[in-house]
Amino acid sequence: MGSKPNTEVTDGAKQIMDYCKTLQVRSGLNAVDFAKKCGMGQNYWYVRARYDAPLTISDCERIAKACGMTTQELFRNALIGEPSSTHPEDYDVAANMDENRDVESETPDD
């Protein structure tokens, strides 16, 4: 017997969908045209927009590409927030915050 797919929409999945809906509004396209641009059907988009089912990672990849961003940027912006031009340090990468980041550059050459 096959199992039924889990269509639970978690809080994180809702945040991602909310950000994707924001991207749709910013694009100036209506929902139907935005879905088409992202390679989705109208009904497929609406089911996810109502939180009846979550977006897949592949969906997010197509949305990101259609919006001119990486999938990582889409997830970061959705789950953490968009980087602020007034506080870019809030989104510093872990390597830049590592206290040992300069050790190699301070090591003398042989």
PDB file of N, CA and C in Angstrom:
ATOM      1  N   MET A   1       0.830  -1.173   0.000  1.00  0.00           N
ATOM      2  CA  MET A   1       0.000   0.000   0.000  1.00  0.00           C
ATOM      3  C   MET A   1       0.877   1.239   0.000  1.00  0.00           C
ATOM      4  N   GLY A   2       0.521   2.191  -0.820  1.00  0.00           N
ATOM      5  CA  GLY A   2       1.261   3.443  -0.875  1.00  0.00           C
ATOM      6  C   GLY A   2       0.868   4.361   0.266  1.00  0.00           C
ATOM      7  N   SER A   3       1.762   5.251   0.580  1.00  0.00           N
ATOM      8  CA  SER A   3       1.443   6.209   1.639  1.00  0.00           C
ATOM      9  C   SER A   3       1.019   7.532   1.027  1.00  0.00           C
ATOM     10  N   LYS A   4       0.232   8.238   1.759  1.00  0.00           N
ATOM     11  CA  LYS A   4      -0.270   9.536   1.311  1.00  0.00           C
ATOM     12  C   LYS A   4       0.817  10.592   1.548  1.00  0.00           C
ATOM     13  N   PRO A   5       1.074  11.467   0.575  1.00  0.00           N
ATOM     14  CA  PRO A   5       2.112  12.479   0.770  1.00  0.00           C
ATOM     15  C   PRO A   5       1.758  13.444   1.899  1.00  0.00           C
ATOM     16  N   ASN A   6       2.782  13.885   2.600  1.00  0.00           N
ATOM     17  CA  ASN A   6       2.585  14.841   3.690  1.00  0.00           C
ATOM     18  C   ASN A   6       2.468  16.236   3.079  1.00  0.00           C
ATOM     19  N   THR A   7       1.318  16.842   3.210  1.00  0.00           N
ATOM     20  CA  THR A   7       1.109  18.176   2.648  1.00  0.00           C
ATOM     21  C   THR A   7       1.018  19.234   3.741  1.00  0.00           C
ATOM     22  N   GLU A   8       1.533  18.903   4.927  1.00  0.00           N
ATOM     23  CA  GLU A   8       1.538  19.883   6.015  1.00  0.00           C
ATOM     24  C   GLU A   8       2.362  21.098   5.590  1.00  0.00           C
ATOM     25  N   VAL A   9       1.832  22.259   5.856  1.00  0.00           N
ATOM     26  CA  VAL A   9       2.550  23.496   5.558  1.00  0.00           C
ATOM     27  C   VAL A   9       3.033  24.065   6.890  1.00  0.00           C
ATOM     28  N   THR A  10       4.328  23.948   7.128  1.00  0.00           N
ATOM     29  CA  THR A  10       4.928  24.392   8.382  1.00  0.00           C
ATOM     30  C   THR A  10       5.027  25.917   8.415  1.00  0.00           C
ATOM     31  N   ASP A  11       5.366  26.448   9.571  1.00  0.00           N
ATOM     32  CA  ASP A  11       5.539  27.902   9.692  1.00  0.00           C
ATOM     33  C   ASP A  11       6.615  28.408   8.749  1.00  0.00           C
ATOM     34  N   GLY A  12       7.727  27.665   8.642  1.00  0.00           N
ATOM     35  CA  GLY A  12       8.793  28.067   7.724  1.00  0.00           C
ATOM     36  C   GLY A  12       8.333  28.056   6.276  1.00  0.00           C
ATOM     37  N   ALA A  13       7.552  27.047   5.905  1.00  0.00           N
ATOM     38  CA  ALA A  13       7.024  26.970   4.540  1.00  0.00           C
ATOM     39  C   ALA A  13       6.072  28.138   4.264  1.00  0.00           C
ATOM     40  N   LYS A  14       5.315  28.541   5.283  1.00  0.00           N
ATOM     41  CA  LYS A  14       4.423  29.698   5.123  1.00  0.00           C
ATOM     42  C   LYS A  14       5.238  30.981   4.930  1.00  0.00           C
ATOM     43  N   GLN A  15       6.336  31.115   5.671  1.00  0.00           N
ATOM     44  CA  GLN A  15       7.192  32.297   5.498  1.00  0.00           C
ATOM     45  C   GLN A  15       7.745  32.355   4.080  1.00  0.00           C
ATOM     46  N   ILE A  16       8.153  31.210   3.569  1.00  0.00           N
ATOM     47  CA  ILE A  16       8.694  31.168   2.202  1.00  0.00           C
ATOM     48  C   ILE A  16       7.606  31.526   1.199  1.00  0.00           C
ATOM     49  N   MET A  17       6.409  30.976   1.371  1.00  0.00           N
ATOM     50  CA  MET A  17       5.315  31.296   0.451  1.00  0.00           C
ATOM     51  C   MET A  17       4.938  32.767   0.547  1.00  0.00           C
ATOM     52  N   ASP A  18       4.912  33.312   1.757  1.00  0.00           N
ATOM     53  CA  ASP A  18       4.595  34.734   1.916  1.00  0.00           C
ATOM     54  C   ASP A  18       5.605  35.600   1.171  1.00  0.00           C
ATOM     55  N   TYR A  19       6.884  35.230   1.259  1.00  0.00           N
ATOM     56  CA  TYR A  19       7.912  35.997   0.545  1.00  0.00           C
ATOM     57  C   TYR A  19       7.742  35.841  -0.964  1.00  0.00           C
ATOM     58  N   CYS A  20       7.386  34.648  -1.414  1.00  0.00           N
ATOM     59  CA  CYS A  20       7.163  34.442  -2.845  1.00  0.00           C
ATOM     60  C   CYS A  20       5.966  35.257  -3.330  1.00  0.00           C
ATOM     61  N   LYS A  21       4.939  35.381  -2.495  1.00  0.00           N
ATOM     62  CA  LYS A  21       3.798  36.228  -2.864  1.00  0.00           C
ATOM     63  C   LYS A  21       4.236  37.697  -2.929  1.00  0.00           C
ATOM     64  N   THR A  22       5.142  38.103  -2.039  1.00  0.00           N
ATOM     65  CA  THR A  22       5.693  39.464  -2.088  1.00  0.00           C
ATOM     66  C   THR A  22       6.454  39.666  -3.391  1.00  0.00           C
ATOM     67  N   LEU A  23       7.244  38.663  -3.787  1.00  0.00           N
ATOM     68  CA  LEU A  23       7.976  38.753  -5.052  1.00  0.00           C
ATOM     69  C   LEU A  23       7.011  38.883  -6.234  1.00  0.00           C
ATOM     70  N   GLN A  24       5.904  38.159  -6.150  1.00  0.00           N
ATOM     71  CA  GLN A  24       4.903  38.243  -7.221  1.00  0.00           C
ATOM     72  C   GLN A  24       4.340  39.653  -7.320  1.00  0.00           C
ATOM     73  N   VAL A  25       4.013  40.257  -6.199  1.00  0.00           N
ATOM     74  CA  VAL A  25       3.473  41.627  -6.194  1.00  0.00           C
ATOM     75  C   VAL A  25       4.520  42.604  -6.728  1.00  0.00           C
ATOM     76  N   ARG A  26       5.761  42.469  -6.254  1.00  0.00           N
ATOM     77  CA  ARG A  26       6.839  43.356  -6.713  1.00  0.00           C
ATOM     78  C   ARG A  26       7.112  43.233  -8.206  1.00  0.00           C
ATOM     79  N   SER A  27       6.857  42.056  -8.751  1.00  0.00           N
ATOM     80  CA  SER A  27       7.116  41.833 -10.177  1.00  0.00           C
ATOM     81  C   SER A  27       6.160  42.628 -11.061  1.00  0.00           C
ATOM     82  N   GLY A  28       5.031  43.027 -10.485  1.00  0.00           N
ATOM     83  CA  GLY A  28       4.026  43.740 -11.272  1.00  0.00           C
ATOM     84  C   GLY A  28       3.147  42.804 -12.091  1.00  0.00           C
ATOM     85  N   LEU A  29       3.370  41.513 -11.958  1.00  0.00           N
ATOM     86  CA  LEU A  29       2.576  40.529 -12.693  1.00  0.00           C
ATOM     87  C   LEU A  29       1.421  40.054 -11.819  1.00  0.00           C
ATOM     88  N   ASN A  30       0.316  39.716 -12.469  1.00  0.00           N
ATOM     89  CA  ASN A  30      -0.765  39.107 -11.702  1.00  0.00           C
ATOM     90  C   ASN A  30      -0.356  37.673 -11.366  1.00  0.00           C
ATOM     91  N   ALA A  31      -1.095  37.027 -10.508  1.00  0.00           N
ATOM     92  CA  ALA A  31      -0.733  35.694 -10.030  1.00  0.00           C
ATOM     93  C   ALA A  31      -0.629  34.686 -11.173  1.00  0.00           C
ATOM     94  N   VAL A  32      -1.524  34.771 -12.134  1.00  0.00           N
ATOM     95  CA  VAL A  32      -1.526  33.823 -13.257  1.00  0.00           C
ATOM     96  C   VAL A  32      -0.250  33.983 -14.083  1.00  0.00           C
ATOM     97  N   ASP A  33       0.101  35.224 -14.420  1.00  0.00           N
ATOM     98  CA  ASP A  33       1.299  35.461 -15.232  1.00  0.00           C
ATOM     99  C   ASP A  33       2.577  35.147 -14.466  1.00  0.00           C
ATOM    100  N   PHE A  34       2.594  35.443 -13.167  1.00  0.00           N
ATOM    101  CA  PHE A  34       3.764  35.123 -12.354  1.00  0.00           C
ATOM    102  C   PHE A  34       3.949  33.607 -12.281  1.00  0.00           C
ATOM    103  N   ALA A  35       2.868  32.881 -12.035  1.00  0.00           N
ATOM    104  CA  ALA A  35       2.949  31.418 -11.988  1.00  0.00           C
ATOM    105  C   ALA A  35       3.486  30.873 -13.305  1.00  0.00           C
ATOM    106  N   LYS A  36       2.983  31.406 -14.403  1.00  0.00           N
ATOM    107  CA  LYS A  36       3.433  30.963 -15.728  1.00  0.00           C
ATOM    108  C   LYS A  36       4.922  31.254 -15.916  1.00  0.00           C
ATOM    109  N   LYS A  37       5.359  32.444 -15.494  1.00  0.00           N
ATOM    110  CA  LYS A  37       6.775  32.820 -15.603  1.00  0.00           C
ATOM    111  C   LYS A  37       7.655  31.862 -14.803  1.00  0.00           C
ATOM    112  N   CYS A  38       7.116  31.344 -13.707  1.00  0.00           N
ATOM    113  CA  CYS A  38       7.852  30.426 -12.836  1.00  0.00           C
ATOM    114  C   CYS A  38       7.657  28.961 -13.224  1.00  0.00           C
ATOM    115  N   GLY A  39       6.969  28.721 -14.318  1.00  0.00           N
ATOM    116  CA  GLY A  39       6.778  27.359 -14.800  1.00  0.00           C
ATOM    117  C   GLY A  39       5.715  26.577 -14.058  1.00  0.00           C
ATOM    118  N   MET A  40       4.753  27.283 -13.494  1.00  0.00           N
ATOM    119  CA  MET A  40       3.678  26.633 -12.734  1.00  0.00           C
ATOM    120  C   MET A  40       2.331  26.950 -13.369  1.00  0.00           C
ATOM    121  N   GLY A  41       1.389  26.091 -13.117  1.00  0.00           N
ATOM    122  CA  GLY A  41       0.032  26.355 -13.533  1.00  0.00           C
ATOM    123  C   GLY A  41      -0.673  27.250 -12.522  1.00  0.00           C
ATOM    124  N   GLN A  42      -1.729  27.866 -12.964  1.00  0.00           N
ATOM    125  CA  GLN A  42      -2.502  28.771 -12.098  1.00  0.00           C
ATOM    126  C   GLN A  42      -3.007  28.060 -10.855  1.00  0.00           C
ATOM    127  N   ASN A  43      -3.610  26.901 -11.015  1.00  0.00           N
ATOM    128  CA  ASN A  43      -4.156  26.180  -9.872  1.00  0.00           C
ATOM    129  C   ASN A  43      -3.044  25.756  -8.920  1.00  0.00           C
ATOM    130  N   TYR A  44      -1.911  25.318  -9.467  1.00  0.00           N
ATOM    131  CA  TYR A  44      -0.775  24.890  -8.639  1.00  0.00           C
ATOM    132  C   TYR A  44      -0.332  26.036  -7.734  1.00  0.00           C
ATOM    133  N   TRP A  45      -0.223  27.240  -8.312  1.00  0.00           N
ATOM    134  CA  TRP A  45       0.184  28.421  -7.528  1.00  0.00           C
ATOM    135  C   TRP A  45      -0.844  28.740  -6.438  1.00  0.00           C
ATOM    136  N   TYR A  46      -2.112  28.755  -6.822  1.00  0.00           N
ATOM    137  CA  TYR A  46      -3.159  29.123  -5.861  1.00  0.00           C
ATOM    138  C   TYR A  46      -3.256  28.130  -4.699  1.00  0.00           C
ATOM    139  N   VAL A  47      -3.075  26.852  -4.961  1.00  0.00           N
ATOM    140  CA  VAL A  47      -3.112  25.844  -3.893  1.00  0.00           C
ATOM    141  C   VAL A  47      -2.021  26.147  -2.867  1.00  0.00           C
ATOM    142  N   ARG A  48      -0.845  26.522  -3.347  1.00  0.00           N
ATOM    143  CA  ARG A  48       0.257  26.836  -2.437  1.00  0.00           C
ATOM    144  C   ARG A  48       0.064  28.188  -1.763  1.00  0.00           C
ATOM    145  N   ALA A  49      -0.476  29.148  -2.477  1.00  0.00           N
ATOM    146  CA  ALA A  49      -0.719  30.476  -1.908  1.00  0.00           C
ATOM    147  C   ALA A  49      -1.745  30.423  -0.774  1.00  0.00           C
ATOM    148  N   ARG A  50      -2.656  29.440  -0.831  1.00  0.00           N
ATOM    149  CA  ARG A  50      -3.648  29.247   0.243  1.00  0.00           C
ATOM    150  C   ARG A  50      -3.109  28.363   1.362  1.00  0.00           C
ATOM    151  N   TYR A  51      -1.882  27.918   1.250  1.00  0.00           N
ATOM    152  CA  TYR A  51      -1.246  27.013   2.222  1.00  0.00           C
ATOM    153  C   TYR A  51      -1.909  25.639   2.261  1.00  0.00           C
ATOM    154  N   ASP A  52      -2.516  25.231   1.160  1.00  0.00           N
ATOM    155  CA  ASP A  52      -3.090  23.891   1.103  1.00  0.00           C
ATOM    156  C   ASP A  52      -2.010  22.846   0.848  1.00  0.00           C
ATOM    157  N   ALA A  53      -0.880  23.283   0.322  1.00  0.00           N
ATOM    158  CA  ALA A  53       0.275  22.410   0.077  1.00  0.00           C
ATOM    159  C   ALA A  53       1.517  23.301   0.054  1.00  0.00           C
ATOM    160  N   PRO A  54       2.669  22.747   0.447  1.00  0.00           N
ATOM    161  CA  PRO A  54       3.888  23.558   0.450  1.00  0.00           C
ATOM    162  C   PRO A  54       4.535  23.622  -0.928  1.00  0.00           C
ATOM    163  N   LEU A  55       5.333  24.672  -1.129  1.00  0.00           N
ATOM    164  CA  LEU A  55       6.186  24.731  -2.309  1.00  0.00           C
ATOM    165  C   LEU A  55       7.269  23.669  -2.165  1.00  0.00           C
ATOM    166  N   THR A  56       7.733  23.149  -3.283  1.00  0.00           N
ATOM    167  CA  THR A  56       8.869  22.234  -3.248  1.00  0.00           C
ATOM    168  C   THR A  56      10.149  23.054  -3.420  1.00  0.00           C
ATOM    169  N   ILE A  57      11.276  22.423  -3.167  1.00  0.00           N
ATOM    170  CA  ILE A  57      12.547  23.109  -3.392  1.00  0.00           C
ATOM    171  C   ILE A  57      12.681  23.447  -4.871  1.00  0.00           C
ATOM    172  N   SER A  58      12.248  22.563  -5.739  1.00  0.00           N
ATOM    173  CA  SER A  58      12.293  22.853  -7.184  1.00  0.00           C
ATOM    174  C   SER A  58      11.440  24.071  -7.528  1.00  0.00           C
ATOM    175  N   ASP A  59      10.269  24.192  -6.900  1.00  0.00           N
ATOM    176  CA  ASP A  59       9.431  25.384  -7.106  1.00  0.00           C
ATOM    177  C   ASP A  59      10.210  26.633  -6.714  1.00  0.00           C
ATOM    178  N   CYS A  60      10.855  26.574  -5.560  1.00  0.00           N
ATOM    179  CA  CYS A  60      11.609  27.732  -5.062  1.00  0.00           C
ATOM    180  C   CYS A  60      12.758  28.074  -5.997  1.00  0.00           C
ATOM    181  N   GLU A  61      13.403  27.067  -6.552  1.00  0.00           N
ATOM    182  CA  GLU A  61      14.488  27.309  -7.516  1.00  0.00           C
ATOM    183  C   GLU A  61      13.957  28.044  -8.741  1.00  0.00           C
ATOM    184  N   ARG A  62      12.798  27.626  -9.239  1.00  0.00           N
ATOM    185  CA  ARG A  62      12.220  28.288 -10.426  1.00  0.00           C
ATOM    186  C   ARG A  62      11.760  29.712 -10.107  1.00  0.00           C
ATOM    187  N   ILE A  63      11.185  29.919  -8.939  1.00  0.00           N
ATOM    188  CA  ILE A  63      10.747  31.257  -8.533  1.00  0.00           C
ATOM    189  C   ILE A  63      11.959  32.173  -8.405  1.00  0.00           C
ATOM    190  N   ALA A  64      13.000  31.681  -7.741  1.00  0.00           N
ATOM    191  CA  ALA A  64      14.215  32.485  -7.566  1.00  0.00           C
ATOM    192  C   ALA A  64      14.791  32.880  -8.926  1.00  0.00           C
ATOM    193  N   LYS A  65      14.905  31.920  -9.816  1.00  0.00           N
ATOM    194  CA  LYS A  65      15.454  32.199 -11.153  1.00  0.00           C
ATOM    195  C   LYS A  65      14.603  33.229 -11.889  1.00  0.00           C
ATOM    196  N   ALA A  66      13.295  33.087 -11.812  1.00  0.00           N
ATOM    197  CA  ALA A  66      12.394  34.031 -12.489  1.00  0.00           C
ATOM    198  C   ALA A  66      12.520  35.434 -11.912  1.00  0.00           C
ATOM    199  N   CYS A  67      12.933  35.528 -10.645  1.00  0.00           N
ATOM    200  CA  CYS A  67      13.061  36.825  -9.970  1.00  0.00           C
ATOM    201  C   CYS A  67      14.501  37.345  -9.962  1.00  0.00           C
ATOM    202  N   GLY A  68      15.401  36.630 -10.638  1.00  0.00           N
ATOM    203  CA  GLY A  68      16.777  37.093 -10.744  1.00  0.00           C
ATOM    204  C   GLY A  68      17.584  36.977  -9.471  1.00  0.00           C
ATOM    205  N   MET A  69      17.310  35.946  -8.694  1.00  0.00           N
ATOM    206  CA  MET A  69      18.070  35.732  -7.454  1.00  0.00           C
ATOM    207  C   MET A  69      18.417  34.263  -7.343  1.00  0.00           C
ATOM    208  N   THR A  70      19.289  33.952  -6.403  1.00  0.00           N
ATOM    209  CA  THR A  70      19.611  32.549  -6.159  1.00  0.00           C
ATOM    210  C   THR A  70      18.579  31.957  -5.205  1.00  0.00           C
ATOM    211  N   THR A  71      18.530  30.645  -5.183  1.00  0.00           N
ATOM    212  CA  THR A  71      17.641  29.965  -4.253  1.00  0.00           C
ATOM    213  C   THR A  71      18.041  30.282  -2.811  1.00  0.00           C
ATOM    214  N   GLN A  72      19.338  30.374  -2.578  1.00  0.00           N
ATOM    215  CA  GLN A  72      19.822  30.698  -1.234  1.00  0.00           C
ATOM    216  C   GLN A  72      19.331  32.084  -0.815  1.00  0.00           C
ATOM    217  N   GLU A  73      19.365  33.042  -1.735  1.00  0.00           N
ATOM    218  CA  GLU A  73      18.876  34.389  -1.419  1.00  0.00           C
ATOM    219  C   GLU A  73      17.384  34.359  -1.106  1.00  0.00           C
ATOM    220  N   LEU A  74      16.635  33.588  -1.876  1.00  0.00           N
ATOM    221  CA  LEU A  74      15.193  33.490  -1.631  1.00  0.00           C
ATOM    222  C   LEU A  74      14.939  32.952  -0.225  1.00  0.00           C
ATOM    223  N   PHE A  75      15.619  31.854   0.146  1.00  0.00           N
ATOM    224  CA  PHE A  75      15.421  31.281   1.478  1.00  0.00           C
ATOM    225  C   PHE A  75      15.873  32.240   2.571  1.00  0.00           C
ATOM    226  N   ARG A  76      17.034  32.860   2.388  1.00  0.00           N
ATOM    227  CA  ARG A  76      17.536  33.800   3.403  1.00  0.00           C
ATOM    228  C   ARG A  76      16.558  34.957   3.587  1.00  0.00           C
ATOM    229  N   ASN A  77      16.144  35.550   2.483  1.00  0.00           N
ATOM    230  CA  ASN A  77      15.235  36.689   2.564  1.00  0.00           C
ATOM    231  C   ASN A  77      13.902  36.304   3.191  1.00  0.00           C
ATOM    232  N   ALA A  78      13.421  35.117   2.870  1.00  0.00           N
ATOM    233  CA  ALA A  78      12.132  34.667   3.396  1.00  0.00           C
ATOM    234  C   ALA A  78      12.210  34.345   4.882  1.00  0.00           C
ATOM    235  N   LEU A  79      13.290  33.700   5.299  1.00  0.00           N
ATOM    236  CA  LEU A  79      13.365  33.190   6.670  1.00  0.00           C
ATOM    237  C   LEU A  79      14.083  34.122   7.633  1.00  0.00           C
ATOM    238  N   ILE A  80      14.975  34.969   7.123  1.00  0.00           N
ATOM    239  CA  ILE A  80      15.739  35.873   7.990  1.00  0.00           C
ATOM    240  C   ILE A  80      15.347  37.323   7.750  1.00  0.00           C
ATOM    241  N   GLY A  81      15.109  37.664   6.514  1.00  0.00           N
ATOM    242  CA  GLY A  81      14.772  39.026   6.130  1.00  0.00           C
ATOM    243  C   GLY A  81      15.747  39.514   5.075  1.00  0.00           C
ATOM    244  N   GLU A  82      15.313  40.467   4.307  1.00  0.00           N
ATOM    245  CA  GLU A  82      16.169  40.999   3.261  1.00  0.00           C
ATOM    246  C   GLU A  82      17.282  41.837   3.874  1.00  0.00           C
ATOM    247  N   PRO A  83      18.479  41.758   3.293  1.00  0.00           N
ATOM    248  CA  PRO A  83      19.583  42.566   3.815  1.00  0.00           C
ATOM    249  C   PRO A  83      19.239  44.050   3.740  1.00  0.00           C
ATOM    250  N   SER A  84      19.657  44.757   4.735  1.00  0.00           N
ATOM    251  CA  SER A  84      19.426  46.194   4.782  1.00  0.00           C
ATOM    252  C   SER A  84      20.671  46.902   4.277  1.00  0.00           C
ATOM    253  N   SER A  85      20.505  47.864   3.412  1.00  0.00           N
ATOM    254  CA  SER A  85      21.661  48.604   2.918  1.00  0.00           C
ATOM    255  C   SER A  85      22.275  49.445   4.031  1.00  0.00           C
ATOM    256  N   THR A  86      21.524  49.702   5.100  1.00  0.00           N
ATOM    257  CA  THR A  86      22.064  50.485   6.214  1.00  0.00           C
ATOM    258  C   THR A  86      22.743  49.611   7.264  1.00  0.00           C
ATOM    259  N   HIS A  87      22.471  48.294   7.229  1.00  0.00           N
ATOM    260  CA  HIS A  87      23.088  47.378   8.190  1.00  0.00           C
ATOM    261  C   HIS A  87      23.541  46.090   7.508  1.00  0.00           C
ATOM    262  N   PRO A  88      24.454  46.170   6.537  1.00  0.00           N
ATOM    263  CA  PRO A  88      24.878  44.939   5.853  1.00  0.00           C
ATOM    264  C   PRO A  88      25.597  43.967   6.776  1.00  0.00           C
ATOM    265  N   GLU A  89      26.150  44.457   7.875  1.00  0.00           N
ATOM    266  CA  GLU A  89      26.845  43.565   8.810  1.00  0.00           C
ATOM    267  C   GLU A  89      25.914  42.546   9.441  1.00  0.00           C
ATOM    268  N   ASP A  90      24.614  42.809   9.409  1.00  0.00           N
ATOM    269  CA  ASP A  90      23.659  41.856   9.960  1.00  0.00           C
ATOM    270  C   ASP A  90      23.654  40.545   9.178  1.00  0.00           C
ATOM    271  N   TYR A  91      24.176  40.566   7.966  1.00  0.00           N
ATOM    272  CA  TYR A  91      24.156  39.392   7.100  1.00  0.00           C
ATOM    273  C   TYR A  91      25.568  38.952   6.738  1.00  0.00           C
ATOM    274  N   ASP A  92      26.502  39.192   7.640  1.00  0.00           N
ATOM    275  CA  ASP A  92      27.878  38.795   7.423  1.00  0.00           C
ATOM    276  C   ASP A  92      27.956  37.273   7.406  1.00  0.00           C
ATOM    277  N   VAL A  93      28.811  36.756   6.559  1.00  0.00           N
ATOM    278  CA  VAL A  93      28.956  35.304   6.490  1.00  0.00           C
ATOM    279  C   VAL A  93      29.761  34.811   7.680  1.00  0.00           C
ATOM    280  N   ALA A  94      29.557  33.575   8.044  1.00  0.00           N
ATOM    281  CA  ALA A  94      30.203  33.004   9.228  1.00  0.00           C
ATOM    282  C   ALA A  94      31.714  33.104   9.146  1.00  0.00           C
ATOM    283  N   ALA A  95      32.295  32.941   7.965  1.00  0.00           N
ATOM    284  CA  ALA A  95      33.754  33.006   7.829  1.00  0.00           C
ATOM    285  C   ALA A  95      34.295  34.372   8.235  1.00  0.00           C
ATOM    286  N   ASN A  96      33.546  35.420   7.994  1.00  0.00           N
ATOM    287  CA  ASN A  96      33.995  36.758   8.366  1.00  0.00           C
ATOM    288  C   ASN A  96      33.859  37.002   9.865  1.00  0.00           C
ATOM    289  N   MET A  97      33.043  36.223  10.548  1.00  0.00           N
ATOM    290  CA  MET A  97      32.862  36.395  11.980  1.00  0.00           C
ATOM    291  C   MET A  97      33.782  35.474  12.779  1.00  0.00           C
ATOM    292  N   ASP A  98      34.487  34.570  12.098  1.00  0.00           N
ATOM    293  CA  ASP A  98      35.373  33.622  12.764  1.00  0.00           C
ATOM    294  C   ASP A  98      36.588  34.356  13.315  1.00  0.00           C
ATOM    295  N   GLU A  99      36.853  34.198  14.606  1.00  0.00           N
ATOM    296  CA  GLU A  99      37.976  34.903  15.231  1.00  0.00           C
ATOM    297  C   GLU A  99      39.322  34.449  14.677  1.00  0.00           C
ATOM    298  N   ASN A 100      39.366  33.289  14.038  1.00  0.00           N
ATOM    299  CA  ASN A 100      40.616  32.780  13.473  1.00  0.00           C
ATOM    300  C   ASN A 100      40.750  33.051  11.972  1.00  0.00           C
ATOM    301  N   ARG A 101      39.918  33.922  11.425  1.00  0.00           N
ATOM    302  CA  ARG A 101      39.899  34.145   9.988  1.00  0.00           C
ATOM    303  C   ARG A 101      41.211  34.678   9.430  1.00  0.00           C
ATOM    304  N   ASP A 102      42.007  35.392  10.244  1.00  0.00           N
ATOM    305  CA  ASP A 102      43.234  36.006   9.754  1.00  0.00           C
ATOM    306  C   ASP A 102      44.484  35.187  10.072  1.00  0.00           C
ATOM    307  N   VAL A 103      44.328  34.042  10.721  1.00  0.00           N
ATOM    308  CA  VAL A 103      45.492  33.255  11.141  1.00  0.00           C
ATOM    309  C   VAL A 103      46.345  32.862   9.946  1.00  0.00           C
ATOM    310  N   GLU A 104      45.737  32.353   8.907  1.00  0.00           N
ATOM    311  CA  GLU A 104      46.515  31.909   7.752  1.00  0.00           C
ATOM    312  C   GLU A 104      47.242  33.085   7.105  1.00  0.00           C
ATOM    313  N   SER A 105      46.602  34.221   7.003  1.00  0.00           N
ATOM    314  CA  SER A 105      47.236  35.360   6.367  1.00  0.00           C
ATOM    315  C   SER A 105      48.384  35.920   7.198  1.00  0.00           C
ATOM    316  N   GLU A 106      48.425  35.604   8.498  1.00  0.00           N
ATOM    317  CA  GLU A 106      49.493  36.074   9.357  1.00  0.00           C
ATOM    318  C   GLU A 106      50.635  35.078   9.468  1.00  0.00           C
ATOM    319  N   THR A 107      50.446  33.870   8.914  1.00  0.00           N
ATOM    320  CA  THR A 107      51.468  32.849   8.974  1.00  0.00           C
ATOM    321  C   THR A 107      52.567  33.186   7.960  1.00  0.00           C
ATOM    322  N   PRO A 108      53.816  33.254   8.412  1.00  0.00           N
ATOM    323  CA  PRO A 108      54.896  33.603   7.481  1.00  0.00           C
ATOM    324  C   PRO A 108      55.114  32.529   6.447  1.00  0.00           C
ATOM    325  N   ASP A 109      55.564  32.928   5.272  1.00  0.00           N
ATOM    326  CA  ASP A 109      55.891  31.981   4.207  1.00  0.00           C
ATOM    327  C   ASP A 109      57.188  31.255   4.555  1.00  0.00           C
ATOM    328  N   ASP A 110      57.308  30.008   4.109  1.00  0.00           N
ATOM    329  CA  ASP A 110      58.540  29.256   4.347  1.00  0.00           C
ATOM    330  C   ASP A 110      59.634  29.683   3.410  1.00  0.00           C
TER     331      ASP A 110
END
